[in-house]
């Protein structure tokens, strides 16, 4: 849905475009929710166009995220010349209006469901502060392996760099430092990576999000030090099934995790898939996943980058 309007007489046109997902089960409730969003959109266009962030948060007045999700929003035209749609995408996730959003190198707004539909994807998680050569190298090598494994041309696999909003939050301010975030996004774009922003600190929830939108092969890239944390059951005490439930989500539908070696700074030990010291209670589960190819070491890594 959207609205095209003039912010003042004889002014060039401006436009707000958004995509909403209706979460109510009854048609009458969905119609009501859509009507409320429509009223809020008209009000925002005429009274809040000079403050896009306030306009954004006002769209769910008299509603909640239990009834509606806004997973794409784009401002364009004369009234929004100063608006950065990448920041708008970030705010959507921050405010809980959607679980994930993405934008490519040119900064245009993308709808996650449309982009991932029938698309194989390789995603690397991190804070990317700053994006480094090792990030590019590990993604490139994992992309080669996923392409060889699935027999899908590399050009047809979406390459993404995912950042959770928890990694974007400044400890002191409690909100993302926007300039820092945009500079990281720009650098990742130069490396050919589509920027993905999610509200999920847990790896298994990112896997769930990806699997919800595509039936094609999915790869995730991470360092061996991060993989060791993934198998720490302390992070899953809130789940009824604990570690097993989390791993069931993370490795659903043949998702494969590609692991870059890690050089331990204290001991100088090179940790790989073969000698990773996962917690004892997870050792057999880890061995099972490695044996069946669900966890795969990155092969042609550059030793020069191990110290980064």
C-alpha atoms as a PDB file:
ATOM      1  CA  UNK A   1       0.000   0.000   0.000  1.00  0.00           C
ATOM      2  CA  UNK A   2       1.101   3.611  -0.310  1.00  0.00           C
ATOM      3  CA  UNK A   3       0.249   7.244  -0.778  1.00  0.00           C
ATOM      4  CA  UNK A   4       1.383   9.871  -3.276  1.00  0.00           C
ATOM      5  CA  UNK A   5       0.924  13.468  -2.200  1.00  0.00           C
ATOM      6  CA  UNK A   6       2.132  17.070  -2.335  1.00  0.00           C
ATOM      7  CA  UNK A   7       3.684  18.440   0.856  1.00  0.00           C
ATOM      8  CA  UNK A   8       2.608  21.969  -0.145  1.00  0.00           C
ATOM      9  CA  UNK A   9       0.724  23.586  -3.058  1.00  0.00           C
ATOM     10  CA  UNK A  10       2.473  23.237  -6.453  1.00  0.00           C
ATOM     11  CA  UNK A  11       5.239  21.163  -4.866  1.00  0.00           C
ATOM     12  CA  UNK A  12       6.659  18.113  -6.711  1.00  0.00           C
ATOM     13  CA  UNK A  13       5.076  14.825  -5.689  1.00  0.00           C
ATOM     14  CA  UNK A  14       6.272  12.692  -2.800  1.00  0.00           C
ATOM     15  CA  UNK A  15       5.488   9.057  -2.082  1.00  0.00           C
ATOM     16  CA  UNK A  16       5.430   6.553   0.760  1.00  0.00           C
ATOM     17  CA  UNK A  17       5.321   2.866  -0.184  1.00  0.00           C
ATOM     18  CA  UNK A  18       5.071   0.027   2.297  1.00  0.00           C
ATOM     19  CA  UNK A  19       4.326  -3.667   2.438  1.00  0.00           C
ATOM     20  CA  UNK A  20       2.308  -5.029   5.344  1.00  0.00           C
ATOM     21  CA  UNK A  21       1.638  -8.563   6.556  1.00  0.00           C
ATOM     22  CA  UNK A  22      -1.715  -9.022   8.272  1.00  0.00           C
ATOM     23  CA  UNK A  23      -1.391 -11.359  11.254  1.00  0.00           C
ATOM     24  CA  UNK A  24      -5.023 -11.524  12.434  1.00  0.00           C
ATOM     25  CA  UNK A  25      -6.839 -14.776  11.654  1.00  0.00           C
ATOM     26  CA  UNK A  26     -10.255 -13.303  10.884  1.00  0.00           C
ATOM     27  CA  UNK A  27     -11.002 -11.313   7.706  1.00  0.00           C
ATOM     28  CA  UNK A  28     -12.917  -8.640   9.615  1.00  0.00           C
ATOM     29  CA  UNK A  29      -9.974  -8.071  11.944  1.00  0.00           C
ATOM     30  CA  UNK A  30      -7.583  -7.864   8.993  1.00  0.00           C
ATOM     31  CA  UNK A  31      -9.796  -5.290   7.303  1.00  0.00           C
ATOM     32  CA  UNK A  32      -9.907  -3.240  10.494  1.00  0.00           C
ATOM     33  CA  UNK A  33      -6.117  -3.350  10.908  1.00  0.00           C
ATOM     34  CA  UNK A  34      -5.546  -2.352   7.293  1.00  0.00           C
ATOM     35  CA  UNK A  35      -7.985   0.538   7.657  1.00  0.00           C
ATOM     36  CA  UNK A  36      -6.189   1.807  10.754  1.00  0.00           C
ATOM     37  CA  UNK A  37      -2.806   1.663   9.014  1.00  0.00           C
ATOM     38  CA  UNK A  38      -4.318   3.511   6.056  1.00  0.00           C
ATOM     39  CA  UNK A  39      -5.623   6.314   8.284  1.00  0.00           C
ATOM     40  CA  UNK A  40      -2.253   6.528  10.055  1.00  0.00           C
ATOM     41  CA  UNK A  41      -0.475   6.658   6.690  1.00  0.00           C
ATOM     42  CA  UNK A  42      -2.628   9.560   5.440  1.00  0.00           C
ATOM     43  CA  UNK A  43      -2.178  11.434   8.708  1.00  0.00           C
ATOM     44  CA  UNK A  44       1.582  10.845   8.670  1.00  0.00           C
ATOM     45  CA  UNK A  45       1.958  11.997   5.063  1.00  0.00           C
ATOM     46  CA  UNK A  46       0.325  15.340   5.731  1.00  0.00           C
ATOM     47  CA  UNK A  47       1.465  16.108   9.291  1.00  0.00           C
ATOM     48  CA  UNK A  48       4.712  14.178   9.891  1.00  0.00           C
ATOM     49  CA  UNK A  49       6.484  14.190   6.517  1.00  0.00           C
ATOM     50  CA  UNK A  50       9.201  16.453   7.962  1.00  0.00           C
ATOM     51  CA  UNK A  51      10.067  13.771  10.531  1.00  0.00           C
ATOM     52  CA  UNK A  52      10.223  10.341   8.802  1.00  0.00           C
ATOM     53  CA  UNK A  53      11.206   8.457  11.963  1.00  0.00           C
ATOM     54  CA  UNK A  54       8.223   9.802  13.898  1.00  0.00           C
ATOM     55  CA  UNK A  55       6.009   9.046  10.894  1.00  0.00           C
ATOM     56  CA  UNK A  56       7.319   5.496  10.876  1.00  0.00           C
ATOM     57  CA  UNK A  57       6.554   4.856  14.532  1.00  0.00           C
ATOM     58  CA  UNK A  58       3.073   6.405  14.166  1.00  0.00           C
ATOM     59  CA  UNK A  59       1.937   3.851  11.585  1.00  0.00           C
ATOM     60  CA  UNK A  60       0.939   1.382  14.307  1.00  0.00           C
ATOM     61  CA  UNK A  61      -1.016   3.864  16.444  1.00  0.00           C
ATOM     62  CA  UNK A  62      -3.999   1.935  17.885  1.00  0.00           C
ATOM     63  CA  UNK A  63      -2.387  -1.334  16.699  1.00  0.00           C
ATOM     64  CA  UNK A  64       0.394  -3.691  17.798  1.00  0.00           C
ATOM     65  CA  UNK A  65       3.014  -5.906  16.150  1.00  0.00           C
ATOM     66  CA  UNK A  66       0.828  -8.896  17.106  1.00  0.00           C
ATOM     67  CA  UNK A  67      -1.682  -7.756  14.476  1.00  0.00           C
ATOM     68  CA  UNK A  68       0.470  -6.378  11.687  1.00  0.00           C
ATOM     69  CA  UNK A  69       4.040  -6.437  10.394  1.00  0.00           C
ATOM     70  CA  UNK A  70       5.592  -3.778   8.132  1.00  0.00           C
ATOM     71  CA  UNK A  71       8.481  -5.514   6.360  1.00  0.00           C
ATOM     72  CA  UNK A  72       9.235  -2.874   3.732  1.00  0.00           C
ATOM     73  CA  UNK A  73       8.913   0.907   3.704  1.00  0.00           C
ATOM     74  CA  UNK A  74      10.332   3.437   1.266  1.00  0.00           C
ATOM     75  CA  UNK A  75      10.214   7.236   1.213  1.00  0.00           C
ATOM     76  CA  UNK A  76      10.740   9.055  -2.086  1.00  0.00           C
ATOM     77  CA  UNK A  77      10.144  12.449  -3.663  1.00  0.00           C
ATOM     78  CA  UNK A  78      10.539  16.094  -2.729  1.00  0.00           C
ATOM     79  CA  UNK A  79       9.424  15.846   0.902  1.00  0.00           C
ATOM     80  CA  UNK A  80      11.970  13.125   1.687  1.00  0.00           C
ATOM     81  CA  UNK A  81      15.136  14.338  -0.022  1.00  0.00           C
ATOM     82  CA  UNK A  82      17.040  14.094   3.270  1.00  0.00           C
ATOM     83  CA  UNK A  83      15.632  10.697   4.250  1.00  0.00           C
ATOM     84  CA  UNK A  84      17.959   7.684   4.024  1.00  0.00           C
ATOM     85  CA  UNK A  85      15.941   4.548   3.340  1.00  0.00           C
ATOM     86  CA  UNK A  86      18.710   2.399   4.820  1.00  0.00           C
ATOM     87  CA  UNK A  87      18.152   4.113   8.162  1.00  0.00           C
ATOM     88  CA  UNK A  88      14.397   3.630   7.704  1.00  0.00           C
ATOM     89  CA  UNK A  89      15.005  -0.102   7.171  1.00  0.00           C
ATOM     90  CA  UNK A  90      17.079  -0.231  10.337  1.00  0.00           C
ATOM     91  CA  UNK A  91      14.355   1.546  12.310  1.00  0.00           C
ATOM     92  CA  UNK A  92      11.744  -0.981  11.104  1.00  0.00           C
ATOM     93  CA  UNK A  93      13.727  -3.732  12.812  1.00  0.00           C
ATOM     94  CA  UNK A  94      14.574  -1.609  15.848  1.00  0.00           C
ATOM     95  CA  UNK A  95      10.924  -0.808  16.510  1.00  0.00           C
ATOM     96  CA  UNK A  96       9.918  -4.446  16.123  1.00  0.00           C
ATOM     97  CA  UNK A  97       7.801  -3.733  13.033  1.00  0.00           C
ATOM     98  CA  UNK A  98       9.613  -6.548  11.206  1.00  0.00           C
ATOM     99  CA  UNK A  99      12.150  -9.218  12.074  1.00  0.00           C
ATOM    100  CA  UNK A 100      14.477  -8.623   9.134  1.00  0.00           C
ATOM    101  CA  UNK A 101      15.158  -6.196   6.316  1.00  0.00           C
ATOM    102  CA  UNK A 102      17.776  -5.859   3.605  1.00  0.00           C
ATOM    103  CA  UNK A 103      19.194  -3.489   1.047  1.00  0.00           C
ATOM    104  CA  UNK A 104      21.774  -3.954  -1.746  1.00  0.00           C
ATOM    105  CA  UNK A 105      24.721  -1.806  -2.813  1.00  0.00           C
ATOM    106  CA  UNK A 106      22.533   0.888  -4.406  1.00  0.00           C
ATOM    107  CA  UNK A 107      20.629   1.429  -1.130  1.00  0.00           C
ATOM    108  CA  UNK A 108      17.172   0.675  -2.521  1.00  0.00           C
ATOM    109  CA  UNK A 109      14.675  -0.940  -0.185  1.00  0.00           C
ATOM    110  CA  UNK A 110      13.999  -4.652  -0.630  1.00  0.00           C
ATOM    111  CA  UNK A 111      11.276  -6.900   0.698  1.00  0.00           C
ATOM    112  CA  UNK A 112      12.926  -9.947   2.256  1.00  0.00           C
ATOM    113  CA  UNK A 113      10.230 -12.404   1.125  1.00  0.00           C
ATOM    114  CA  UNK A 114      10.465 -11.240  -2.500  1.00  0.00           C
ATOM    115  CA  UNK A 115      14.266 -11.285  -2.647  1.00  0.00           C
ATOM    116  CA  UNK A 116      14.683 -14.715  -1.056  1.00  0.00           C
ATOM    117  CA  UNK A 117      11.800 -16.430  -2.860  1.00  0.00           C
ATOM    118  CA  UNK A 118      13.306 -19.404  -4.732  1.00  0.00           C
ATOM    119  CA  UNK A 119      16.775 -17.974  -4.214  1.00  0.00           C
ATOM    120  CA  UNK A 120      19.772 -19.843  -2.753  1.00  0.00           C
ATOM    121  CA  UNK A 121      21.540 -17.722  -0.160  1.00  0.00           C
ATOM    122  CA  UNK A 122      24.850 -17.527   1.689  1.00  0.00           C
ATOM    123  CA  UNK A 123      24.891 -15.300   4.781  1.00  0.00           C
ATOM    124  CA  UNK A 124      27.791 -14.266   6.961  1.00  0.00           C
ATOM    125  CA  UNK A 125      26.972 -13.007  10.465  1.00  0.00           C
ATOM    126  CA  UNK A 126      29.002 -10.408  12.289  1.00  0.00           C
ATOM    127  CA  UNK A 127      29.304  -6.884  13.597  1.00  0.00           C
ATOM    128  CA  UNK A 128      31.756  -6.004  10.777  1.00  0.00           C
ATOM    129  CA  UNK A 129      33.347  -3.275  12.848  1.00  0.00           C
ATOM    130  CA  UNK A 130      35.184  -2.817  10.589  1.00  0.00           C
ATOM    131  CA  UNK A 131      34.622  -5.026   7.532  1.00  0.00           C
ATOM    132  CA  UNK A 132      38.002  -6.667   6.893  1.00  0.00           C
ATOM    133  CA  UNK A 133      39.741  -8.627   4.166  1.00  0.00           C
ATOM    134  CA  UNK A 134      39.198 -11.813   6.134  1.00  0.00           C
ATOM    135  CA  UNK A 135      35.408 -11.317   5.892  1.00  0.00           C
ATOM    136  CA  UNK A 136      35.627 -11.047   2.112  1.00  0.00           C
ATOM    137  CA  UNK A 137      37.969 -14.041   1.800  1.00  0.00           C
ATOM    138  CA  UNK A 138      35.910 -16.376   4.009  1.00  0.00           C
ATOM    139  CA  UNK A 139      32.724 -15.437   2.156  1.00  0.00           C
ATOM    140  CA  UNK A 140      34.340 -15.951  -1.246  1.00  0.00           C
ATOM    141  CA  UNK A 141      35.673 -19.395  -0.336  1.00  0.00           C
ATOM    142  CA  UNK A 142      32.387 -20.476   1.252  1.00  0.00           C
ATOM    143  CA  UNK A 143      30.563 -19.300  -1.868  1.00  0.00           C
ATOM    144  CA  UNK A 144      32.799 -21.509  -4.017  1.00  0.00           C
ATOM    145  CA  UNK A 145      32.121 -24.516  -1.805  1.00  0.00           C
ATOM    146  CA  UNK A 146      28.356 -23.970  -1.675  1.00  0.00           C
ATOM    147  CA  UNK A 147      28.255 -23.597  -5.461  1.00  0.00           C
ATOM    148  CA  UNK A 148      30.263 -26.788  -5.938  1.00  0.00           C
ATOM    149  CA  UNK A 149      28.174 -28.659  -3.366  1.00  0.00           C
ATOM    150  CA  UNK A 150      24.793 -27.663  -4.848  1.00  0.00           C
ATOM    151  CA  UNK A 151      25.863 -27.299  -8.501  1.00  0.00           C
ATOM    152  CA  UNK A 152      24.296 -23.828  -8.536  1.00  0.00           C
ATOM    153  CA  UNK A 153      26.273 -21.087 -10.356  1.00  0.00           C
ATOM    154  CA  UNK A 154      27.813 -18.620  -7.928  1.00  0.00           C
ATOM    155  CA  UNK A 155      26.105 -15.697  -9.682  1.00  0.00           C
ATOM    156  CA  UNK A 156      22.694 -17.132  -8.741  1.00  0.00           C
ATOM    157  CA  UNK A 157      23.473 -17.347  -5.010  1.00  0.00           C
ATOM    158  CA  UNK A 158      22.574 -14.263  -2.968  1.00  0.00           C
ATOM    159  CA  UNK A 159      25.548 -13.127  -0.884  1.00  0.00           C
ATOM    160  CA  UNK A 160      24.525 -11.414   2.341  1.00  0.00           C
ATOM    161  CA  UNK A 161      26.226  -9.839   5.334  1.00  0.00           C
ATOM    162  CA  UNK A 162      23.896 -10.007   8.335  1.00  0.00           C
ATOM    163  CA  UNK A 163      24.069  -7.739  11.369  1.00  0.00           C
ATOM    164  CA  UNK A 164      21.799  -8.109  14.393  1.00  0.00           C
ATOM    165  CA  UNK A 165      20.510  -4.882  15.922  1.00  0.00           C
ATOM    166  CA  UNK A 166      22.144  -5.963  19.195  1.00  0.00           C
ATOM    167  CA  UNK A 167      25.511  -5.663  17.411  1.00  0.00           C
ATOM    168  CA  UNK A 168      24.622  -2.190  16.165  1.00  0.00           C
ATOM    169  CA  UNK A 169      23.752  -0.755  19.557  1.00  0.00           C
ATOM    170  CA  UNK A 170      26.126   1.653  21.198  1.00  0.00           C
ATOM    171  CA  UNK A 171      26.726   0.684  24.834  1.00  0.00           C
ATOM    172  CA  UNK A 172      26.376   4.236  26.045  1.00  0.00           C
ATOM    173  CA  UNK A 173      23.634   5.660  23.855  1.00  0.00           C
ATOM    174  CA  UNK A 174      21.426   2.578  23.711  1.00  0.00           C
ATOM    175  CA  UNK A 175      20.671   3.129  20.016  1.00  0.00           C
ATOM    176  CA  UNK A 176      22.626   2.488  16.815  1.00  0.00           C
ATOM    177  CA  UNK A 177      25.334   4.970  15.926  1.00  0.00           C
ATOM    178  CA  UNK A 178      23.950   5.683  12.475  1.00  0.00           C
ATOM    179  CA  UNK A 179      27.076   7.025  10.823  1.00  0.00           C
ATOM    180  CA  UNK A 180      29.054   4.002  11.978  1.00  0.00           C
ATOM    181  CA  UNK A 181      26.317   1.667  10.718  1.00  0.00           C
ATOM    182  CA  UNK A 182      26.040   3.368   7.303  1.00  0.00           C
ATOM    183  CA  UNK A 183      29.807   3.316   6.783  1.00  0.00           C
ATOM    184  CA  UNK A 184      29.896  -0.411   7.476  1.00  0.00           C
ATOM    185  CA  UNK A 185      26.974  -0.940   5.094  1.00  0.00           C
ATOM    186  CA  UNK A 186      28.747   1.062   2.375  1.00  0.00           C
ATOM    187  CA  UNK A 187      31.949  -0.934   2.778  1.00  0.00           C
ATOM    188  CA  UNK A 188      30.088  -4.264   2.661  1.00  0.00           C
ATOM    189  CA  UNK A 189      28.299  -3.080  -0.477  1.00  0.00           C
ATOM    190  CA  UNK A 190      31.661  -2.392  -2.146  1.00  0.00           C
ATOM    191  CA  UNK A 191      32.511  -6.040  -1.479  1.00  0.00           C
ATOM    192  CA  UNK A 192      29.316  -7.065  -3.303  1.00  0.00           C
ATOM    193  CA  UNK A 193      27.417  -8.144  -0.173  1.00  0.00           C
ATOM    194  CA  UNK A 194      23.738  -7.381   0.358  1.00  0.00           C
ATOM    195  CA  UNK A 195      23.260  -5.914   3.830  1.00  0.00           C
ATOM    196  CA  UNK A 196      20.784  -7.839   6.001  1.00  0.00           C
ATOM    197  CA  UNK A 197      19.573  -6.402   9.323  1.00  0.00           C
ATOM    198  CA  UNK A 198      17.728  -8.650  11.798  1.00  0.00           C
ATOM    199  CA  UNK A 199      16.500  -8.470  15.377  1.00  0.00           C
ATOM    200  CA  UNK A 200      17.841 -11.971  16.081  1.00  0.00           C
ATOM    201  CA  UNK A 201      20.911 -12.328  18.315  1.00  0.00           C
ATOM    202  CA  UNK A 202      20.659 -16.135  18.057  1.00  0.00           C
ATOM    203  CA  UNK A 203      21.980 -17.938  14.987  1.00  0.00           C
ATOM    204  CA  UNK A 204      19.117 -20.426  14.904  1.00  0.00           C
ATOM    205  CA  UNK A 205      16.552 -17.619  14.575  1.00  0.00           C
ATOM    206  CA  UNK A 206      18.403 -16.241  11.544  1.00  0.00           C
ATOM    207  CA  UNK A 207      18.314 -19.721  10.013  1.00  0.00           C
ATOM    208  CA  UNK A 208      14.573 -19.893  10.751  1.00  0.00           C
ATOM    209  CA  UNK A 209      14.032 -16.546   9.021  1.00  0.00           C
ATOM    210  CA  UNK A 210      15.929 -17.605   5.904  1.00  0.00           C
ATOM    211  CA  UNK A 211      14.235 -21.014   5.708  1.00  0.00           C
ATOM    212  CA  UNK A 212      10.812 -19.374   6.047  1.00  0.00           C
ATOM    213  CA  UNK A 213      11.350 -17.439   2.818  1.00  0.00           C
ATOM    214  CA  UNK A 214      13.216 -19.844   0.528  1.00  0.00           C
ATOM    215  CA  UNK A 215      13.210 -23.572  -0.190  1.00  0.00           C
ATOM    216  CA  UNK A 216      16.590 -23.339  -1.951  1.00  0.00           C
ATOM    217  CA  UNK A 217      19.969 -24.248  -0.363  1.00  0.00           C
ATOM    218  CA  UNK A 218      21.108 -22.012   2.502  1.00  0.00           C
ATOM    219  CA  UNK A 219      24.657 -21.527   3.734  1.00  0.00           C
ATOM    220  CA  UNK A 220      25.898 -19.680   6.806  1.00  0.00           C
ATOM    221  CA  UNK A 221      29.499 -18.523   7.266  1.00  0.00           C
ATOM    222  CA  UNK A 222      31.246 -18.051  10.606  1.00  0.00           C
ATOM    223  CA  UNK A 223      34.600 -18.359  12.323  1.00  0.00           C
ATOM    224  CA  UNK A 224      35.484 -21.393  14.441  1.00  0.00           C
ATOM    225  CA  UNK A 225      35.441 -19.238  17.586  1.00  0.00           C
ATOM    226  CA  UNK A 226      31.816 -18.265  16.900  1.00  0.00           C
ATOM    227  CA  UNK A 227      30.829 -21.863  16.149  1.00  0.00           C
ATOM    228  CA  UNK A 228      32.158 -22.922  19.544  1.00  0.00           C
ATOM    229  CA  UNK A 229      29.790 -20.422  21.183  1.00  0.00           C
ATOM    230  CA  UNK A 230      26.891 -21.740  19.077  1.00  0.00           C
ATOM    231  CA  UNK A 231      27.246 -25.115  20.836  1.00  0.00           C
ATOM    232  CA  UNK A 232      27.207 -23.630  24.329  1.00  0.00           C
ATOM    233  CA  UNK A 233      23.925 -24.718  25.912  1.00  0.00           C
ATOM    234  CA  UNK A 234      23.866 -21.669  28.229  1.00  0.00           C
ATOM    235  CA  UNK A 235      22.426 -19.631  25.355  1.00  0.00           C
ATOM    236  CA  UNK A 236      19.389 -21.914  24.999  1.00  0.00           C
ATOM    237  CA  UNK A 237      18.090 -22.274  28.542  1.00  0.00           C
ATOM    238  CA  UNK A 238      14.956 -20.342  27.561  1.00  0.00           C
ATOM    239  CA  UNK A 239      14.027 -23.059  25.036  1.00  0.00           C
ATOM    240  CA  UNK A 240      12.046 -26.102  26.229  1.00  0.00           C
ATOM    241  CA  UNK A 241      14.315 -28.344  24.153  1.00  0.00           C
ATOM    242  CA  UNK A 242      17.520 -26.496  25.004  1.00  0.00           C
ATOM    243  CA  UNK A 243      20.516 -27.074  22.746  1.00  0.00           C
ATOM    244  CA  UNK A 244      18.814 -29.848  20.751  1.00  0.00           C
ATOM    245  CA  UNK A 245      15.875 -27.616  19.868  1.00  0.00           C
ATOM    246  CA  UNK A 246      18.173 -24.783  18.778  1.00  0.00           C
ATOM    247  CA  UNK A 247      20.262 -27.116  16.600  1.00  0.00           C
ATOM    248  CA  UNK A 248      17.079 -28.500  15.060  1.00  0.00           C
ATOM    249  CA  UNK A 249      16.223 -24.984  13.892  1.00  0.00           C
ATOM    250  CA  UNK A 250      19.766 -24.077  12.843  1.00  0.00           C
ATOM    251  CA  UNK A 251      20.292 -27.151  10.672  1.00  0.00           C
ATOM    252  CA  UNK A 252      16.754 -27.567   9.301  1.00  0.00           C
ATOM    253  CA  UNK A 253      16.313 -28.382   5.616  1.00  0.00           C
ATOM    254  CA  UNK A 254      19.963 -29.153   4.877  1.00  0.00           C
ATOM    255  CA  UNK A 255      21.320 -25.776   5.963  1.00  0.00           C
ATOM    256  CA  UNK A 256      25.110 -25.964   5.866  1.00  0.00           C
ATOM    257  CA  UNK A 257      27.513 -23.987   8.073  1.00  0.00           C
ATOM    258  CA  UNK A 258      30.896 -23.115   6.558  1.00  0.00           C
ATOM    259  CA  UNK A 259      33.594 -22.566   9.170  1.00  0.00           C
ATOM    260  CA  UNK A 260      36.726 -20.432   8.827  1.00  0.00           C
ATOM    261  CA  UNK A 261      39.757 -21.502  10.934  1.00  0.00           C
ATOM    262  CA  UNK A 262      40.566 -19.446  14.014  1.00  0.00           C
ATOM    263  CA  UNK A 263      44.028 -18.747  15.424  1.00  0.00           C
ATOM    264  CA  UNK A 264      43.771 -18.608  19.201  1.00  0.00           C
ATOM    265  CA  UNK A 265      45.541 -15.399  20.275  1.00  0.00           C
ATOM    266  CA  UNK A 266      46.694 -16.777  23.651  1.00  0.00           C
ATOM    267  CA  UNK A 267      48.060 -20.175  22.617  1.00  0.00           C
ATOM    268  CA  UNK A 268      48.657 -19.801  18.875  1.00  0.00           C
ATOM    269  CA  UNK A 269      46.611 -22.975  18.291  1.00  0.00           C
ATOM    270  CA  UNK A 270      44.840 -23.163  14.932  1.00  0.00           C
ATOM    271  CA  UNK A 271      41.254 -24.240  15.543  1.00  0.00           C
ATOM    272  CA  UNK A 272      39.426 -25.886  12.656  1.00  0.00           C
ATOM    273  CA  UNK A 273      36.330 -28.045  12.245  1.00  0.00           C
ATOM    274  CA  UNK A 274      38.479 -31.100  13.028  1.00  0.00           C
ATOM    275  CA  UNK A 275      39.932 -29.970  16.368  1.00  0.00           C
ATOM    276  CA  UNK A 276      37.386 -27.457  17.671  1.00  0.00           C
ATOM    277  CA  UNK A 277      36.968 -27.837  21.448  1.00  0.00           C
ATOM    278  CA  UNK A 278      33.176 -27.639  21.749  1.00  0.00           C
ATOM    279  CA  UNK A 279      31.594 -28.170  25.201  1.00  0.00           C
ATOM    280  CA  UNK A 280      31.765 -31.832  26.277  1.00  0.00           C
ATOM    281  CA  UNK A 281      27.979 -32.309  26.422  1.00  0.00           C
ATOM    282  CA  UNK A 282      27.689 -31.241  22.760  1.00  0.00           C
ATOM    283  CA  UNK A 283      30.650 -33.205  21.395  1.00  0.00           C
ATOM    284  CA  UNK A 284      28.692 -36.149  19.968  1.00  0.00           C
ATOM    285  CA  UNK A 285      26.075 -33.895  18.396  1.00  0.00           C
ATOM    286  CA  UNK A 286      28.840 -31.789  16.874  1.00  0.00           C
ATOM    287  CA  UNK A 287      30.584 -34.897  15.508  1.00  0.00           C
ATOM    288  CA  UNK A 288      27.317 -36.111  13.965  1.00  0.00           C
ATOM    289  CA  UNK A 289      26.785 -32.818  12.133  1.00  0.00           C
ATOM    290  CA  UNK A 290      30.375 -32.754  10.854  1.00  0.00           C
ATOM    291  CA  UNK A 291      30.176 -36.390   9.703  1.00  0.00           C
ATOM    292  CA  UNK A 292      26.993 -35.719   7.722  1.00  0.00           C
ATOM    293  CA  UNK A 293      28.332 -32.583   6.020  1.00  0.00           C
ATOM    294  CA  UNK A 294      26.167 -30.075   7.852  1.00  0.00           C
ATOM    295  CA  UNK A 295      29.294 -28.364   9.213  1.00  0.00           C
ATOM    296  CA  UNK A 296      32.072 -27.932   6.692  1.00  0.00           C
ATOM    297  CA  UNK A 297      35.489 -26.337   7.022  1.00  0.00           C
ATOM    298  CA  UNK A 298      36.492 -23.604   4.573  1.00  0.00           C
ATOM    299  CA  UNK A 299      39.243 -25.145   2.486  1.00  0.00           C
ATOM    300  CA  UNK A 300      41.239 -22.580   0.520  1.00  0.00           C
ATOM    301  CA  UNK A 301      41.537 -19.920   3.187  1.00  0.00           C
ATOM    302  CA  UNK A 302      44.390 -17.405   3.131  1.00  0.00           C
ATOM    303  CA  UNK A 303      46.733 -17.966   6.124  1.00  0.00           C
ATOM    304  CA  UNK A 304      47.713 -14.299   5.938  1.00  0.00           C
ATOM    305  CA  UNK A 305      44.285 -13.341   7.312  1.00  0.00           C
ATOM    306  CA  UNK A 306      44.345 -15.632  10.366  1.00  0.00           C
ATOM    307  CA  UNK A 307      45.776 -12.913  12.575  1.00  0.00           C
ATOM    308  CA  UNK A 308      42.851 -10.557  11.839  1.00  0.00           C
END
